[in-house]
Amino acid sequence: MFVIEKTKWADGDINYNITIQDSRYDHNFNTIWGRLKRAAKALFGKPVYFSDVHLEGEERYKKLVADMTDLLNTNLDDEQ
């Protein structure tokens, strides 16, 4: 899952967090050994790769850009 989050802090600063979240339980990703290896990599600042983002066709890309533009223009104060 490709997730884009927008956070507005009390001081007015706005941050965007873009993550790729993977919840698959196949290919031995969630064995104890696999989890320990990923934790060790994260502990030492090494990248932990789960998946990448592949957008097929221009329409999906255009929708992503439009959704990100909507997020950019979202006033979080109105949503509280």
C-alpha atoms as a PDB file:
ATOM      1  CA  MET A   1       0.000   0.000   0.000  1.00  0.00           C
ATOM      2  CA  PHE A   2       1.314   3.446  -0.942  1.00  0.00           C
ATOM      3  CA  VAL A   3       0.411   5.870   1.874  1.00  0.00           C
ATOM      4  CA  ILE A   4       0.816   9.648   1.902  1.00  0.00           C
ATOM      5  CA  GLU A   5       0.128  11.411   5.196  1.00  0.00           C
ATOM      6  CA  LYS A   6       0.007  15.137   5.867  1.00  0.00           C
ATOM      7  CA  THR A   7       0.656  16.473   9.379  1.00  0.00           C
ATOM      8  CA  LYS A   8       0.248  20.056  10.509  1.00  0.00           C
ATOM      9  CA  TRP A   9       2.076  20.812  13.754  1.00  0.00           C
ATOM     10  CA  ALA A  10       1.056  23.348  16.396  1.00  0.00           C
ATOM     11  CA  ASP A  11       3.777  25.749  15.208  1.00  0.00           C
ATOM     12  CA  GLY A  12       2.267  25.765  11.687  1.00  0.00           C
ATOM     13  CA  ASP A  13       4.921  23.511  10.158  1.00  0.00           C
ATOM     14  CA  ILE A  14       3.529  20.986   7.666  1.00  0.00           C
ATOM     15  CA  ASN A  15       5.187  17.631   6.974  1.00  0.00           C
ATOM     16  CA  TYR A  16       4.409  14.894   4.465  1.00  0.00           C
ATOM     17  CA  ASN A  17       5.228  11.272   5.195  1.00  0.00           C
ATOM     18  CA  ILE A  18       5.279   8.877   2.236  1.00  0.00           C
ATOM     19  CA  THR A  19       5.537   5.182   3.072  1.00  0.00           C
ATOM     20  CA  ILE A  20       5.138   1.837   1.424  1.00  0.00           C
ATOM     21  CA  GLN A  21       3.408  -0.490   3.836  1.00  0.00           C
ATOM     22  CA  ASP A  22       3.559  -4.219   3.266  1.00  0.00           C
ATOM     23  CA  SER A  23       1.430  -6.667   5.215  1.00  0.00           C
ATOM     24  CA  ARG A  24       2.094  -9.817   3.209  1.00  0.00           C
ATOM     25  CA  TYR A  25       2.559 -13.078   5.030  1.00  0.00           C
ATOM     26  CA  ASP A  26       4.148 -15.043   2.221  1.00  0.00           C
ATOM     27  CA  HIS A  27       7.725 -15.637   1.060  1.00  0.00           C
ATOM     28  CA  ASN A  28       8.952 -16.046   4.665  1.00  0.00           C
ATOM     29  CA  PHE A  29       8.886 -12.274   5.264  1.00  0.00           C
ATOM     30  CA  ASN A  30       7.423 -12.731   8.731  1.00  0.00           C
ATOM     31  CA  THR A  31       9.522 -15.540  10.129  1.00  0.00           C
ATOM     32  CA  ILE A  32      11.395 -14.802  13.323  1.00  0.00           C
ATOM     33  CA  TRP A  33      14.693 -14.830  11.399  1.00  0.00           C
ATOM     34  CA  GLY A  34      13.324 -12.453   8.746  1.00  0.00           C
ATOM     35  CA  ARG A  35      12.026 -10.055  11.373  1.00  0.00           C
ATOM     36  CA  LEU A  36      15.345 -10.092  13.239  1.00  0.00           C
ATOM     37  CA  LYS A  37      17.281  -9.375  10.039  1.00  0.00           C
ATOM     38  CA  ARG A  38      15.029  -6.422   9.162  1.00  0.00           C
ATOM     39  CA  ALA A  39      15.215  -5.091  12.736  1.00  0.00           C
ATOM     40  CA  ALA A  40      19.027  -5.300  12.683  1.00  0.00           C
ATOM     41  CA  LYS A  41      19.164  -3.433   9.372  1.00  0.00           C
ATOM     42  CA  ALA A  42      16.893  -0.696  10.709  1.00  0.00           C
ATOM     43  CA  LEU A  43      18.920  -0.497  13.915  1.00  0.00           C
ATOM     44  CA  PHE A  44      22.114   0.188  11.965  1.00  0.00           C
ATOM     45  CA  GLY A  45      20.506   2.620   9.512  1.00  0.00           C
ATOM     46  CA  LYS A  46      20.452   0.264   6.541  1.00  0.00           C
ATOM     47  CA  PRO A  47      17.514   0.386   4.118  1.00  0.00           C
ATOM     48  CA  VAL A  48      14.863  -2.299   4.494  1.00  0.00           C
ATOM     49  CA  TYR A  49      13.198  -2.982   1.164  1.00  0.00           C
ATOM     50  CA  PHE A  50       9.742  -4.483   1.060  1.00  0.00           C
ATOM     51  CA  SER A  51       8.376  -3.439  -2.309  1.00  0.00           C
ATOM     52  CA  ASP A  52       8.363  -0.622  -4.782  1.00  0.00           C
ATOM     53  CA  VAL A  53       5.655   1.444  -6.413  1.00  0.00           C
ATOM     54  CA  HIS A  54       4.714   0.592  -9.970  1.00  0.00           C
ATOM     55  CA  LEU A  55       2.005   2.623 -11.662  1.00  0.00           C
ATOM     56  CA  GLU A  56       0.749   1.126 -14.902  1.00  0.00           C
ATOM     57  CA  GLY A  57      -0.698   3.605 -17.363  1.00  0.00           C
ATOM     58  CA  GLU A  58      -0.920   7.368 -17.359  1.00  0.00           C
ATOM     59  CA  GLU A  59      -4.381   7.509 -15.789  1.00  0.00           C
ATOM     60  CA  ARG A  60      -3.189   6.018 -12.500  1.00  0.00           C
ATOM     61  CA  TYR A  61      -0.256   8.399 -12.415  1.00  0.00           C
ATOM     62  CA  LYS A  62      -2.509  11.374 -13.170  1.00  0.00           C
ATOM     63  CA  LYS A  63      -4.897  10.266 -10.407  1.00  0.00           C
ATOM     64  CA  LEU A  64      -1.987  10.002  -7.938  1.00  0.00           C
ATOM     65  CA  VAL A  65      -0.816  13.507  -8.843  1.00  0.00           C
ATOM     66  CA  ALA A  66      -4.379  14.863  -8.554  1.00  0.00           C
ATOM     67  CA  ASP A  67      -4.853  13.181  -5.169  1.00  0.00           C
ATOM     68  CA  MET A  68      -1.531  14.538  -3.939  1.00  0.00           C
ATOM     69  CA  THR A  69      -2.518  18.021  -5.169  1.00  0.00           C
ATOM     70  CA  ASP A  70      -5.798  17.707  -3.249  1.00  0.00           C
ATOM     71  CA  LEU A  71      -3.842  16.702  -0.159  1.00  0.00           C
ATOM     72  CA  LEU A  72      -1.524  19.668  -0.619  1.00  0.00           C
ATOM     73  CA  ASN A  73      -4.514  22.000  -0.728  1.00  0.00           C
ATOM     74  CA  THR A  74      -6.291  20.359   2.224  1.00  0.00           C
ATOM     75  CA  ASN A  75      -6.677  22.621   5.212  1.00  0.00           C
ATOM     76  CA  LEU A  76      -6.273  20.337   8.202  1.00  0.00           C
ATOM     77  CA  ASP A  77      -7.739  22.971  10.522  1.00  0.00           C
ATOM     78  CA  ASP A  78     -11.118  22.492   8.807  1.00  0.00           C
ATOM     79  CA  GLU A  79     -11.063  18.736   9.444  1.00  0.00           C
ATOM     80  CA  GLN A  80     -10.807  18.879  13.238  1.00  0.00           C
END
